[in-house]
């Protein structure tokens, strides 16, 4: 694994992604690799014709909580001297990730491997299968059981 010099952790700004961030930190330390954490924001409520204010508000709260949780993990490592670059992009997840992988010359992607349910699919798109097929680099899928909707980690 000496060829792993640039690692990208994909975050969907949910608290479930914290485990993938911890894997990225651990592997980056072990191989002295550069670490990037990318938040891909896919907003289904930004589509023309949608008018779902309660769901859009809850979506915003969920994104904010997830970002705070992941930021805490990143901050803890930065205070220990680890350089972690955060990337925030808006758009269709597969296209955005492929662009960043190419731009940053990423060697390894780390992301959650959980099955995407109907709510996940609606909020984030069904990108895992497509990402695995299209990425030009290795991918580490981190297994994390999803909580029942409404449960807190």
N, C-alpha and C. Protein backbone atom coordinates (compact mmCIF):
# COMPACT_ATOMS: atom_id res chain seq x y z
N UNK A 1 0.82 -1.21 0.00
CA UNK A 1 0.00 0.00 0.00
C UNK A 1 0.85 1.26 0.00
N UNK A 2 2.09 1.13 -0.44
CA UNK A 2 2.98 2.30 -0.51
C UNK A 2 2.52 3.32 -1.53
N UNK A 3 1.64 2.91 -2.43
CA UNK A 3 1.18 3.82 -3.47
C UNK A 3 0.02 4.71 -3.01
N UNK A 4 -0.37 4.61 -1.75
CA UNK A 4 -1.45 5.46 -1.23
C UNK A 4 -0.84 6.70 -0.61
N UNK A 5 -0.94 7.80 -1.34
CA UNK A 5 -0.37 9.07 -0.88
C UNK A 5 -1.43 10.14 -0.70
N UNK A 6 -2.61 9.93 -1.30
CA UNK A 6 -3.68 10.94 -1.24
C UNK A 6 -5.01 10.23 -1.03
N UNK A 7 -5.63 10.51 0.12
CA UNK A 7 -6.86 9.82 0.52
C UNK A 7 -8.02 10.82 0.56
N UNK A 8 -9.15 10.38 0.03
CA UNK A 8 -10.37 11.20 0.04
C UNK A 8 -11.46 10.45 0.81
N UNK A 9 -11.95 11.07 1.88
CA UNK A 9 -13.09 10.52 2.62
C UNK A 9 -14.32 11.26 2.13
N UNK A 10 -15.33 10.49 1.72
CA UNK A 10 -16.59 11.08 1.27
C UNK A 10 -17.55 11.18 2.45
N UNK A 11 -18.07 12.36 2.65
CA UNK A 11 -19.01 12.62 3.72
C UNK A 11 -20.32 13.10 3.13
N UNK A 12 -21.39 12.62 3.71
CA UNK A 12 -22.71 13.11 3.30
C UNK A 12 -23.28 14.04 4.36
N UNK A 13 -22.38 14.53 5.20
CA UNK A 13 -22.76 15.43 6.27
C UNK A 13 -23.82 14.82 7.18
N UNK A 14 -23.67 13.54 7.46
CA UNK A 14 -24.50 12.89 8.45
C UNK A 14 -23.59 12.36 9.55
N UNK A 15 -24.13 12.16 10.73
CA UNK A 15 -23.32 11.66 11.83
C UNK A 15 -22.78 10.27 11.54
N UNK A 16 -23.43 9.52 10.67
CA UNK A 16 -22.97 8.18 10.32
C UNK A 16 -21.63 8.21 9.60
N UNK A 17 -21.27 9.32 9.00
CA UNK A 17 -20.02 9.41 8.24
C UNK A 17 -18.80 9.57 9.13
N UNK A 18 -19.02 9.81 10.40
CA UNK A 18 -17.88 10.01 11.31
C UNK A 18 -16.96 8.78 11.32
N UNK A 19 -17.53 7.58 11.21
CA UNK A 19 -16.72 6.36 11.21
C UNK A 19 -15.79 6.34 9.99
N UNK A 20 -16.28 6.75 8.83
CA UNK A 20 -15.44 6.80 7.64
C UNK A 20 -14.33 7.83 7.82
N UNK A 21 -14.62 8.96 8.45
CA UNK A 21 -13.59 9.98 8.72
C UNK A 21 -12.51 9.40 9.62
N UNK A 22 -12.89 8.64 10.65
CA UNK A 22 -11.90 8.03 11.53
C UNK A 22 -11.02 7.02 10.80
N UNK A 23 -11.60 6.25 9.89
CA UNK A 23 -10.79 5.35 9.06
C UNK A 23 -9.78 6.15 8.23
N UNK A 24 -10.25 7.23 7.63
CA UNK A 24 -9.36 8.06 6.81
C UNK A 24 -8.20 8.62 7.62
N UNK A 25 -8.49 9.10 8.82
CA UNK A 25 -7.45 9.65 9.69
C UNK A 25 -6.43 8.57 10.04
N UNK A 26 -6.92 7.40 10.41
CA UNK A 26 -6.05 6.30 10.80
C UNK A 26 -5.13 5.85 9.65
N UNK A 27 -5.70 5.67 8.47
CA UNK A 27 -4.91 5.22 7.32
C UNK A 27 -3.93 6.30 6.87
N UNK A 28 -4.37 7.57 6.88
CA UNK A 28 -3.48 8.66 6.49
C UNK A 28 -2.27 8.74 7.43
N UNK A 29 -2.50 8.54 8.72
CA UNK A 29 -1.39 8.55 9.69
C UNK A 29 -0.44 7.39 9.41
N UNK A 30 -1.00 6.21 9.21
CA UNK A 30 -0.18 5.00 9.02
C UNK A 30 0.70 5.11 7.78
N UNK A 31 0.17 5.69 6.70
CA UNK A 31 0.91 5.74 5.43
C UNK A 31 1.45 7.13 5.12
N UNK A 32 1.36 8.05 6.09
CA UNK A 32 1.84 9.41 5.91
C UNK A 32 1.27 10.01 4.61
N UNK A 33 -0.02 9.85 4.45
CA UNK A 33 -0.71 10.31 3.24
C UNK A 33 -1.45 11.62 3.50
N UNK A 34 -1.67 12.38 2.45
CA UNK A 34 -2.49 13.59 2.53
C UNK A 34 -3.94 13.15 2.67
N UNK A 35 -4.70 13.86 3.51
CA UNK A 35 -6.10 13.51 3.75
C UNK A 35 -7.02 14.65 3.36
N UNK A 36 -8.02 14.30 2.57
CA UNK A 36 -9.06 15.24 2.17
C UNK A 36 -10.39 14.67 2.66
N UNK A 37 -11.24 15.54 3.21
CA UNK A 37 -12.59 15.15 3.58
C UNK A 37 -13.53 16.00 2.74
N UNK A 38 -14.33 15.33 1.92
CA UNK A 38 -15.21 16.07 1.01
C UNK A 38 -16.67 15.89 1.42
N UNK A 39 -17.34 17.00 1.53
CA UNK A 39 -18.76 17.02 1.80
C UNK A 39 -19.46 17.29 0.47
N UNK A 40 -20.24 16.35 0.00
CA UNK A 40 -20.99 16.54 -1.24
C UNK A 40 -22.43 16.84 -0.84
N UNK A 41 -22.89 18.02 -1.18
CA UNK A 41 -24.25 18.43 -0.85
C UNK A 41 -25.11 18.26 -2.09
N UNK A 42 -26.01 17.32 -2.00
CA UNK A 42 -26.99 17.08 -3.07
C UNK A 42 -28.33 17.48 -2.49
N UNK A 43 -28.88 18.60 -2.92
CA UNK A 43 -30.10 19.13 -2.31
C UNK A 43 -31.30 18.83 -3.18
N UNK A 44 -32.09 17.81 -2.81
CA UNK A 44 -33.26 17.47 -3.61
C UNK A 44 -34.34 18.54 -3.54
N UNK A 45 -34.27 19.41 -2.53
CA UNK A 45 -35.30 20.44 -2.38
C UNK A 45 -35.01 21.67 -3.21
N UNK A 46 -33.82 21.73 -3.80
CA UNK A 46 -33.46 22.86 -4.64
C UNK A 46 -34.00 22.71 -6.05
N UNK A 47 -34.64 21.58 -6.32
CA UNK A 47 -35.16 21.34 -7.66
C UNK A 47 -36.37 22.22 -7.93
N UNK A 48 -36.46 22.71 -9.13
CA UNK A 48 -37.57 23.57 -9.51
C UNK A 48 -38.90 22.85 -9.34
N UNK A 49 -39.87 23.52 -8.73
CA UNK A 49 -41.19 22.93 -8.59
C UNK A 49 -41.44 22.31 -7.23
N UNK A 50 -40.38 22.09 -6.43
CA UNK A 50 -40.56 21.53 -5.09
C UNK A 50 -40.93 22.65 -4.14
N UNK A 51 -41.85 22.38 -3.26
CA UNK A 51 -42.21 23.34 -2.22
C UNK A 51 -42.55 22.54 -0.96
N UNK A 52 -41.53 22.11 -0.24
CA UNK A 52 -41.70 21.28 0.95
C UNK A 52 -40.96 21.91 2.13
N UNK A 53 -41.40 23.09 2.60
CA UNK A 53 -40.65 23.80 3.65
C UNK A 53 -40.33 22.97 4.89
N UNK A 54 -41.25 22.16 5.45
CA UNK A 54 -40.88 21.40 6.66
C UNK A 54 -39.74 20.41 6.39
N UNK A 55 -39.79 19.72 5.25
CA UNK A 55 -38.75 18.76 4.94
C UNK A 55 -37.43 19.47 4.64
N UNK A 56 -37.51 20.61 3.96
CA UNK A 56 -36.29 21.35 3.64
C UNK A 56 -35.63 21.85 4.92
N UNK A 57 -36.44 22.31 5.88
CA UNK A 57 -35.90 22.77 7.16
C UNK A 57 -35.21 21.61 7.89
N UNK A 58 -35.87 20.45 7.96
CA UNK A 58 -35.29 19.28 8.62
C UNK A 58 -34.01 18.82 7.92
N UNK A 59 -34.01 18.90 6.59
CA UNK A 59 -32.83 18.56 5.80
C UNK A 59 -31.67 19.47 6.19
N UNK A 60 -31.93 20.76 6.31
CA UNK A 60 -30.91 21.73 6.71
C UNK A 60 -30.38 21.46 8.10
N UNK A 61 -31.27 21.12 9.03
CA UNK A 61 -30.85 20.80 10.40
C UNK A 61 -29.98 19.55 10.41
N UNK A 62 -30.37 18.54 9.64
CA UNK A 62 -29.60 17.30 9.57
C UNK A 62 -28.20 17.57 9.02
N UNK A 63 -28.09 18.38 7.97
CA UNK A 63 -26.79 18.71 7.40
C UNK A 63 -25.92 19.46 8.41
N UNK A 64 -26.52 20.41 9.12
CA UNK A 64 -25.77 21.19 10.10
C UNK A 64 -25.24 20.31 11.23
N UNK A 65 -26.07 19.41 11.76
CA UNK A 65 -25.65 18.50 12.84
C UNK A 65 -24.53 17.59 12.36
N UNK A 66 -24.68 17.04 11.17
CA UNK A 66 -23.65 16.16 10.62
C UNK A 66 -22.34 16.89 10.44
N UNK A 67 -22.39 18.12 9.91
CA UNK A 67 -21.17 18.91 9.70
C UNK A 67 -20.48 19.21 11.03
N UNK A 68 -21.25 19.55 12.04
CA UNK A 68 -20.66 19.83 13.35
C UNK A 68 -19.97 18.60 13.92
N UNK A 69 -20.60 17.44 13.77
CA UNK A 69 -20.04 16.19 14.29
C UNK A 69 -18.73 15.84 13.58
N UNK A 70 -18.72 15.94 12.27
CA UNK A 70 -17.51 15.62 11.49
C UNK A 70 -16.43 16.68 11.74
N UNK A 71 -16.83 17.94 11.83
CA UNK A 71 -15.86 19.01 12.11
C UNK A 71 -15.16 18.78 13.44
N UNK A 72 -15.87 18.26 14.45
CA UNK A 72 -15.27 17.99 15.76
C UNK A 72 -14.15 16.95 15.62
N UNK A 73 -14.39 15.90 14.84
CA UNK A 73 -13.37 14.86 14.64
C UNK A 73 -12.16 15.44 13.90
N UNK A 74 -12.41 16.25 12.90
CA UNK A 74 -11.31 16.85 12.12
C UNK A 74 -10.53 17.83 12.99
N UNK A 75 -11.22 18.66 13.77
CA UNK A 75 -10.56 19.64 14.62
C UNK A 75 -9.64 18.95 15.63
N UNK A 76 -10.11 17.84 16.20
CA UNK A 76 -9.29 17.12 17.18
C UNK A 76 -7.97 16.67 16.56
N UNK A 77 -7.99 16.22 15.33
CA UNK A 77 -6.76 15.78 14.66
C UNK A 77 -5.90 16.96 14.23
N UNK A 78 -6.53 18.04 13.82
CA UNK A 78 -5.74 19.23 13.43
C UNK A 78 -4.98 19.80 14.62
N UNK A 79 -5.60 19.76 15.81
CA UNK A 79 -4.90 20.29 16.98
C UNK A 79 -3.71 19.42 17.36
N UNK A 80 -3.69 18.17 16.87
CA UNK A 80 -2.54 17.28 17.10
C UNK A 80 -1.50 17.43 15.98
N UNK A 81 -1.76 18.34 15.03
CA UNK A 81 -0.79 18.61 13.98
C UNK A 81 -1.06 17.96 12.64
N UNK A 82 -2.14 17.24 12.50
CA UNK A 82 -2.44 16.58 11.22
C UNK A 82 -3.10 17.57 10.26
N UNK A 83 -2.62 17.62 9.04
CA UNK A 83 -3.22 18.48 8.02
C UNK A 83 -4.35 17.73 7.34
N UNK A 84 -5.53 18.30 7.39
CA UNK A 84 -6.70 17.72 6.74
C UNK A 84 -7.35 18.84 5.93
N UNK A 85 -7.52 18.59 4.65
CA UNK A 85 -8.16 19.59 3.79
C UNK A 85 -9.63 19.22 3.60
N UNK A 86 -10.50 20.17 3.90
CA UNK A 86 -11.94 19.96 3.68
C UNK A 86 -12.33 20.55 2.34
N UNK A 87 -13.16 19.81 1.63
CA UNK A 87 -13.68 20.25 0.34
C UNK A 87 -15.19 20.18 0.43
N UNK A 88 -15.86 21.26 0.07
CA UNK A 88 -17.32 21.26 0.05
C UNK A 88 -17.75 21.56 -1.38
N UNK A 89 -18.54 20.67 -1.94
CA UNK A 89 -19.05 20.85 -3.30
C UNK A 89 -20.54 20.57 -3.32
N UNK A 90 -21.24 21.25 -4.21
CA UNK A 90 -22.67 21.06 -4.39
C UNK A 90 -22.88 20.47 -5.77
N UNK A 91 -23.72 19.46 -5.86
CA UNK A 91 -24.03 18.90 -7.17
C UNK A 91 -24.33 17.42 -7.13
N UNK A 92 -24.37 16.85 -8.31
CA UNK A 92 -24.64 15.42 -8.45
C UNK A 92 -23.42 14.67 -7.95
N UNK A 93 -23.59 13.78 -6.93
CA UNK A 93 -22.44 13.20 -6.24
C UNK A 93 -21.40 12.51 -7.12
N UNK A 94 -21.78 11.67 -8.04
CA UNK A 94 -20.79 10.93 -8.83
C UNK A 94 -19.94 11.88 -9.67
N UNK A 95 -20.55 12.84 -10.31
CA UNK A 95 -19.82 13.80 -11.14
C UNK A 95 -18.86 14.62 -10.30
N UNK A 96 -19.34 15.12 -9.16
CA UNK A 96 -18.52 15.95 -8.29
C UNK A 96 -17.33 15.16 -7.75
N UNK A 97 -17.57 13.93 -7.30
CA UNK A 97 -16.49 13.11 -6.76
C UNK A 97 -15.46 12.78 -7.83
N UNK A 98 -15.91 12.41 -9.00
CA UNK A 98 -14.98 12.10 -10.09
C UNK A 98 -14.11 13.31 -10.43
N UNK A 99 -14.69 14.49 -10.45
CA UNK A 99 -13.93 15.72 -10.71
C UNK A 99 -12.83 15.91 -9.65
N UNK A 100 -13.18 15.76 -8.38
CA UNK A 100 -12.22 15.97 -7.30
C UNK A 100 -11.13 14.89 -7.31
N UNK A 101 -11.52 13.64 -7.56
CA UNK A 101 -10.53 12.56 -7.63
C UNK A 101 -9.49 12.87 -8.71
N UNK A 102 -9.94 13.38 -9.83
CA UNK A 102 -9.03 13.73 -10.92
C UNK A 102 -8.19 14.95 -10.56
N UNK A 103 -8.84 16.01 -10.07
CA UNK A 103 -8.13 17.25 -9.73
C UNK A 103 -7.06 17.03 -8.66
N UNK A 104 -7.39 16.26 -7.64
CA UNK A 104 -6.50 16.08 -6.49
C UNK A 104 -5.62 14.83 -6.59
N UNK A 105 -5.74 14.08 -7.69
CA UNK A 105 -4.94 12.86 -7.90
C UNK A 105 -5.08 11.89 -6.72
N UNK A 106 -6.32 11.59 -6.39
CA UNK A 106 -6.63 10.73 -5.24
C UNK A 106 -6.29 9.28 -5.55
N UNK A 107 -5.68 8.59 -4.56
CA UNK A 107 -5.30 7.18 -4.69
C UNK A 107 -6.32 6.25 -4.03
N UNK A 108 -7.02 6.74 -2.99
CA UNK A 108 -7.96 5.91 -2.24
C UNK A 108 -9.14 6.74 -1.79
N UNK A 109 -10.34 6.21 -2.02
CA UNK A 109 -11.57 6.83 -1.53
C UNK A 109 -12.07 5.97 -0.38
N UNK A 110 -12.52 6.62 0.70
CA UNK A 110 -13.13 5.93 1.82
C UNK A 110 -14.54 6.47 1.96
N UNK A 111 -15.52 5.55 2.00
CA UNK A 111 -16.92 5.98 2.13
C UNK A 111 -17.73 4.88 2.81
N UNK A 112 -18.91 5.26 3.29
CA UNK A 112 -19.80 4.28 3.92
C UNK A 112 -20.30 3.28 2.89
N UNK A 113 -20.50 2.03 3.34
CA UNK A 113 -20.94 0.97 2.45
C UNK A 113 -22.40 0.59 2.65
N UNK A 114 -23.09 1.28 3.55
CA UNK A 114 -24.45 0.86 3.88
C UNK A 114 -25.38 0.90 2.67
N UNK A 115 -26.38 0.06 2.74
CA UNK A 115 -27.40 0.09 1.70
C UNK A 115 -28.18 1.38 1.83
N UNK A 116 -28.49 1.97 0.73
CA UNK A 116 -29.23 3.22 0.74
C UNK A 116 -30.71 2.92 0.69
N UNK A 117 -31.42 3.37 1.70
CA UNK A 117 -32.87 3.20 1.74
C UNK A 117 -33.55 4.29 0.94
N UNK A 118 -34.88 4.29 0.97
CA UNK A 118 -35.64 5.26 0.19
C UNK A 118 -35.33 6.70 0.60
N UNK A 119 -35.24 6.96 1.91
CA UNK A 119 -34.95 8.32 2.36
C UNK A 119 -33.55 8.75 1.93
N UNK A 120 -32.55 7.88 2.15
CA UNK A 120 -31.18 8.17 1.70
C UNK A 120 -31.15 8.43 0.21
N UNK A 121 -31.82 7.58 -0.54
CA UNK A 121 -31.83 7.73 -2.00
C UNK A 121 -32.40 9.09 -2.38
N UNK A 122 -33.50 9.48 -1.75
CA UNK A 122 -34.12 10.76 -2.06
C UNK A 122 -33.21 11.92 -1.69
N UNK A 123 -32.60 11.86 -0.49
CA UNK A 123 -31.79 12.97 -0.02
C UNK A 123 -30.45 13.08 -0.71
N UNK A 124 -29.81 11.94 -0.99
CA UNK A 124 -28.44 11.97 -1.48
C UNK A 124 -28.26 11.38 -2.86
N UNK A 125 -29.27 10.76 -3.41
CA UNK A 125 -29.11 10.08 -4.69
C UNK A 125 -28.53 8.70 -4.46
N UNK A 126 -28.64 7.84 -5.43
CA UNK A 126 -28.10 6.47 -5.32
C UNK A 126 -26.74 6.46 -5.99
N UNK A 127 -25.72 6.87 -5.22
CA UNK A 127 -24.42 7.09 -5.81
C UNK A 127 -23.40 5.99 -5.52
N UNK A 128 -23.55 5.19 -4.47
CA UNK A 128 -22.51 4.20 -4.13
C UNK A 128 -22.20 3.26 -5.29
N UNK A 129 -23.22 2.64 -5.87
CA UNK A 129 -22.99 1.71 -6.98
C UNK A 129 -22.28 2.39 -8.14
N UNK A 130 -22.75 3.56 -8.47
CA UNK A 130 -22.16 4.30 -9.59
C UNK A 130 -20.72 4.71 -9.29
N UNK A 131 -20.45 5.15 -8.06
CA UNK A 131 -19.09 5.53 -7.68
C UNK A 131 -18.13 4.35 -7.80
N UNK A 132 -18.55 3.19 -7.31
CA UNK A 132 -17.68 2.02 -7.37
C UNK A 132 -17.33 1.67 -8.81
N UNK A 133 -18.29 1.80 -9.71
CA UNK A 133 -18.05 1.46 -11.11
C UNK A 133 -17.18 2.48 -11.84
N UNK A 134 -17.30 3.75 -11.51
CA UNK A 134 -16.67 4.80 -12.31
C UNK A 134 -15.35 5.34 -11.78
N UNK A 135 -15.01 5.10 -10.54
CA UNK A 135 -13.81 5.71 -9.98
C UNK A 135 -12.54 5.04 -10.50
N UNK A 136 -11.53 5.85 -10.81
CA UNK A 136 -10.27 5.33 -11.33
C UNK A 136 -9.28 4.90 -10.24
N UNK A 137 -9.71 4.96 -8.98
CA UNK A 137 -8.82 4.61 -7.87
C UNK A 137 -9.48 3.55 -6.99
N UNK A 138 -8.73 3.08 -6.00
CA UNK A 138 -9.27 2.09 -5.07
C UNK A 138 -10.30 2.74 -4.15
N UNK A 139 -11.23 1.90 -3.65
CA UNK A 139 -12.28 2.38 -2.76
C UNK A 139 -12.36 1.46 -1.56
N UNK A 140 -12.37 2.05 -0.36
CA UNK A 140 -12.57 1.30 0.88
C UNK A 140 -13.97 1.61 1.36
N UNK A 141 -14.80 0.57 1.46
CA UNK A 141 -16.17 0.73 1.93
C UNK A 141 -16.22 0.39 3.42
N UNK A 142 -16.67 1.34 4.22
CA UNK A 142 -16.75 1.18 5.67
C UNK A 142 -18.16 0.74 6.04
N UNK A 143 -18.27 -0.39 6.69
CA UNK A 143 -19.57 -0.92 7.07
C UNK A 143 -20.07 -0.21 8.31
N UNK A 144 -21.26 0.30 8.24
CA UNK A 144 -21.90 0.97 9.37
C UNK A 144 -23.38 0.70 9.28
N UNK A 145 -23.92 0.04 10.27
CA UNK A 145 -25.35 -0.20 10.29
C UNK A 145 -26.07 1.12 10.46
N UNK A 146 -27.06 1.33 9.65
CA UNK A 146 -27.84 2.56 9.75
C UNK A 146 -28.83 2.45 10.90
N UNK A 147 -29.02 3.53 11.60
CA UNK A 147 -30.03 3.59 12.65
C UNK A 147 -31.41 3.65 12.03
N UNK A 148 -32.40 3.22 12.77
CA UNK A 148 -33.77 3.36 12.34
C UNK A 148 -34.08 4.84 12.28
N UNK A 149 -34.85 5.27 11.27
CA UNK A 149 -35.16 6.69 11.12
C UNK A 149 -35.71 7.24 12.45
N UNK A 150 -35.09 8.31 12.91
CA UNK A 150 -35.53 8.93 14.15
C UNK A 150 -34.65 8.57 15.33
N UNK A 151 -33.84 7.48 15.23
CA UNK A 151 -32.94 7.12 16.31
C UNK A 151 -31.68 7.96 16.23
N UNK A 152 -31.04 8.15 17.33
CA UNK A 152 -29.80 8.93 17.39
C UNK A 152 -28.67 7.99 17.76
N UNK A 153 -27.50 8.18 17.13
CA UNK A 153 -26.31 7.37 17.45
C UNK A 153 -25.92 7.53 18.89
